[in-house]
């Protein structure tokens, strides 16, 4: 426990989190760790801080100890960043900056004929909403039987065929992803 073990001081440790474009990221929860990388506690409860609108998670009233911060809960739409931040003895207020890229994925599907032939030339549209309810629309063509949508943010989507390959009929099947 930080205060039961003789800790005193008035320093702060701030974790500043931005996305890949330099925008502050709100909602990441960080836990304070000691020099042995074990949770620091106050009243037997681990000390945590959450990034605010400015992307800052601030730990206040800290002693001059070697301290770390580690993300324990990612913000919505992001994967957890396992980077251990800090490791310097506090001798003043410290700010550490970290970047996070939104969680994105790749969606692939196969376009094959009833007899198993891989088909090229069909066109498919992915429509839905990402984790922040932004509308996402992407179009991709089938190439050698494979349709690929790259860099799709976490969310809920439906894929439909919007143009059939030459010599084939358009399918009315809708795929949920």
Protein backbone atom coordinates (compact mmCIF):
# COMPACT_ATOMS: atom_id res chain seq x y z
CA UNK A 1 0.00 0.00 0.00
CA UNK A 2 1.55 3.27 -1.17
CA UNK A 3 0.74 5.32 1.91
CA UNK A 4 1.29 2.53 4.46
CA UNK A 5 4.87 1.99 3.25
CA UNK A 6 6.13 5.48 3.98
CA UNK A 7 5.37 6.99 0.62
CA UNK A 8 5.12 10.74 0.65
CA UNK A 9 5.45 13.40 -1.96
CA UNK A 10 3.48 15.56 -4.24
CA UNK A 11 4.51 14.45 -7.72
CA UNK A 12 2.34 13.41 -10.62
CA UNK A 13 2.76 10.85 -13.35
CA UNK A 14 0.71 11.51 -16.49
CA UNK A 15 0.15 9.15 -19.41
CA UNK A 16 -0.82 11.09 -22.54
CA UNK A 17 -2.46 8.87 -25.17
CA UNK A 18 -3.00 9.81 -28.84
CA UNK A 19 -4.20 7.95 -31.90
CA UNK A 20 -2.07 7.58 -35.02
CA UNK A 21 -3.21 11.01 -36.24
CA UNK A 22 -2.21 12.87 -33.06
CA UNK A 23 -5.74 13.14 -31.63
CA UNK A 24 -6.22 12.55 -27.89
CA UNK A 25 -7.70 9.17 -26.97
CA UNK A 26 -10.27 9.14 -24.16
CA UNK A 27 -11.24 6.12 -22.05
CA UNK A 28 -8.03 4.10 -21.62
CA UNK A 29 -7.63 2.86 -18.04
CA UNK A 30 -4.11 2.64 -16.61
CA UNK A 31 -2.92 0.97 -13.43
CA UNK A 32 -0.01 2.29 -11.37
CA UNK A 33 2.79 -0.26 -10.78
CA UNK A 34 5.79 -0.21 -8.43
CA UNK A 35 9.42 -0.83 -9.37
CA UNK A 36 8.72 -4.59 -9.21
CA UNK A 37 5.88 -4.00 -11.66
CA UNK A 38 3.26 -4.97 -9.08
CA UNK A 39 0.06 -2.93 -8.56
CA UNK A 40 0.40 0.04 -6.23
CA UNK A 41 -2.55 0.16 -3.84
CA UNK A 42 -4.29 2.71 -1.69
CA UNK A 43 -6.48 1.25 1.07
CA UNK A 44 -5.76 -2.16 -0.48
CA UNK A 45 -7.29 -1.12 -3.85
CA UNK A 46 -5.12 -0.85 -7.01
CA UNK A 47 -4.65 2.75 -8.11
CA UNK A 48 -5.97 3.46 -11.61
CA UNK A 49 -6.57 6.49 -13.81
CA UNK A 50 -8.57 6.89 -17.04
CA UNK A 51 -7.59 9.10 -19.96
CA UNK A 52 -9.78 12.21 -20.16
CA UNK A 53 -10.92 14.29 -23.16
CA UNK A 54 -7.34 15.55 -23.53
CA UNK A 55 -5.98 11.99 -23.59
CA UNK A 56 -4.42 12.30 -20.11
CA UNK A 57 -4.52 9.74 -17.31
CA UNK A 58 -3.10 11.48 -14.23
CA UNK A 59 -1.79 9.91 -11.03
CA UNK A 60 -1.36 12.60 -8.35
CA UNK A 61 0.31 12.93 -4.93
CA UNK A 62 2.99 10.33 -5.64
CA UNK A 63 6.24 9.82 -3.77
CA UNK A 64 9.70 9.91 -5.30
CA UNK A 65 9.62 6.23 -6.27
CA UNK A 66 10.28 4.28 -9.45
CA UNK A 67 6.80 3.85 -10.90
CA UNK A 68 5.22 2.42 -14.04
CA UNK A 69 1.80 2.64 -15.64
CA UNK A 70 0.20 -0.11 -17.70
CA UNK A 71 -3.04 -0.06 -19.65
CA UNK A 72 -5.56 -2.46 -18.12
CA UNK A 73 -8.67 -1.51 -20.12
CA UNK A 74 -8.47 -0.21 -23.69
CA UNK A 75 -10.70 2.58 -24.96
CA UNK A 76 -13.59 1.54 -27.17
CA UNK A 77 -12.42 0.69 -30.67
CA UNK A 78 -8.83 -0.02 -29.66
CA UNK A 79 -6.84 -3.06 -28.66
CA UNK A 80 -5.05 -3.05 -25.33
CA UNK A 81 -1.59 -1.51 -25.50
CA UNK A 82 0.68 -3.81 -23.49
CA UNK A 83 3.56 -1.31 -23.42
CA UNK A 84 4.90 -0.71 -19.92
CA UNK A 85 5.23 3.05 -19.43
CA UNK A 86 7.62 4.76 -17.04
CA UNK A 87 10.40 3.23 -14.98
CA UNK A 88 12.00 6.49 -13.92
CA UNK A 89 12.24 7.66 -10.32
CA UNK A 90 9.88 10.55 -9.78
CA UNK A 91 11.79 13.70 -8.89
CA UNK A 92 9.18 16.01 -10.37
CA UNK A 93 6.04 15.75 -12.43
CA UNK A 94 6.49 13.39 -15.39
CA UNK A 95 4.46 12.94 -18.56
CA UNK A 96 4.83 9.93 -20.83
CA UNK A 97 3.27 9.90 -24.29
CA UNK A 98 2.01 6.83 -26.07
CA UNK A 99 0.25 6.25 -29.38
CA UNK A 100 -2.48 3.80 -30.16
CA UNK A 101 -3.95 2.83 -33.47
CA UNK A 102 -7.61 1.91 -33.75
CA UNK A 103 -8.37 -1.80 -33.92
CA UNK A 104 -8.93 -2.71 -37.55
CA UNK A 105 -9.20 -5.99 -39.32
CA UNK A 106 -9.42 -7.69 -42.64
CA UNK A 107 -12.54 -9.42 -43.93
CA UNK A 108 -12.14 -12.07 -46.63
CA UNK A 109 -14.68 -14.24 -48.33
CA UNK A 110 -14.58 -16.76 -51.16
CA UNK A 111 -16.55 -16.37 -54.39
CA UNK A 112 -16.90 -19.78 -55.99
CA UNK A 113 -19.34 -21.31 -58.45
CA UNK A 114 -21.67 -24.20 -57.53
CA UNK A 115 -19.08 -26.53 -59.10
CA UNK A 116 -16.22 -25.08 -57.00
CA UNK A 117 -14.60 -22.81 -59.60
CA UNK A 118 -12.97 -19.69 -58.10
CA UNK A 119 -14.63 -16.67 -59.72
CA UNK A 120 -13.17 -13.25 -60.54
CA UNK A 121 -14.91 -10.03 -61.46
CA UNK A 122 -17.75 -9.95 -58.97
CA UNK A 123 -18.17 -6.83 -56.87
CA UNK A 124 -19.16 -6.78 -53.20
CA UNK A 125 -20.14 -3.97 -50.85
CA UNK A 126 -19.55 -3.92 -47.09
CA UNK A 127 -21.88 -1.57 -45.18
CA UNK A 128 -22.30 -1.06 -41.46
CA UNK A 129 -21.22 0.93 -38.44
CA UNK A 130 -17.94 0.96 -36.57
CA UNK A 131 -17.51 0.96 -32.77
CA UNK A 132 -18.40 4.70 -32.66
CA UNK A 133 -21.51 4.30 -34.86
CA UNK A 134 -19.81 5.90 -37.88
CA UNK A 135 -21.23 4.57 -41.13
CA UNK A 136 -18.62 2.59 -43.06
CA UNK A 137 -19.03 1.60 -46.72
CA UNK A 138 -16.38 -0.23 -48.75
CA UNK A 139 -16.41 -1.98 -52.13
CA UNK A 140 -14.13 -4.81 -53.27
CA UNK A 141 -13.89 -7.10 -56.30
CA UNK A 142 -13.41 -10.83 -56.33
CA UNK A 143 -9.97 -11.78 -57.64
CA UNK A 144 -9.30 -15.47 -58.27
CA UNK A 145 -12.20 -16.34 -55.97
CA UNK A 146 -11.21 -14.09 -53.06
CA UNK A 147 -12.87 -10.86 -51.94
CA UNK A 148 -10.84 -8.80 -49.44
CA UNK A 149 -11.80 -5.74 -47.40
CA UNK A 150 -8.76 -4.21 -45.64
CA UNK A 151 -8.52 -1.86 -42.64
CA UNK A 152 -12.08 -2.32 -41.44
CA UNK A 153 -12.68 -0.79 -37.97
CA UNK A 154 -14.29 -2.94 -35.29
CA UNK A 155 -18.02 -2.86 -35.80
CA UNK A 156 -21.04 -4.63 -37.27
CA UNK A 157 -21.30 -5.07 -41.03
CA UNK A 158 -23.23 -6.76 -43.82
CA UNK A 159 -21.72 -7.77 -47.16
CA UNK A 160 -23.76 -8.06 -50.35
CA UNK A 161 -22.85 -8.87 -53.92
CA UNK A 162 -23.51 -5.77 -56.04
CA UNK A 163 -22.21 -7.06 -59.40
CA UNK A 164 -22.02 -10.70 -60.49
CA UNK A 165 -19.04 -12.10 -62.39
CA UNK A 166 -19.59 -12.32 -66.16
CA UNK A 167 -21.83 -15.25 -67.03
CA UNK A 168 -23.25 -15.61 -63.48
CA UNK A 169 -26.32 -14.36 -61.66
CA UNK A 170 -26.22 -11.91 -58.76
CA UNK A 171 -26.75 -13.63 -55.43
CA UNK A 172 -29.21 -12.18 -52.95
CA UNK A 173 -27.33 -13.70 -50.00
CA UNK A 174 -26.33 -11.20 -47.30
CA UNK A 175 -23.37 -12.00 -45.05
CA UNK A 176 -23.19 -10.54 -41.54
CA UNK A 177 -19.76 -9.87 -40.02
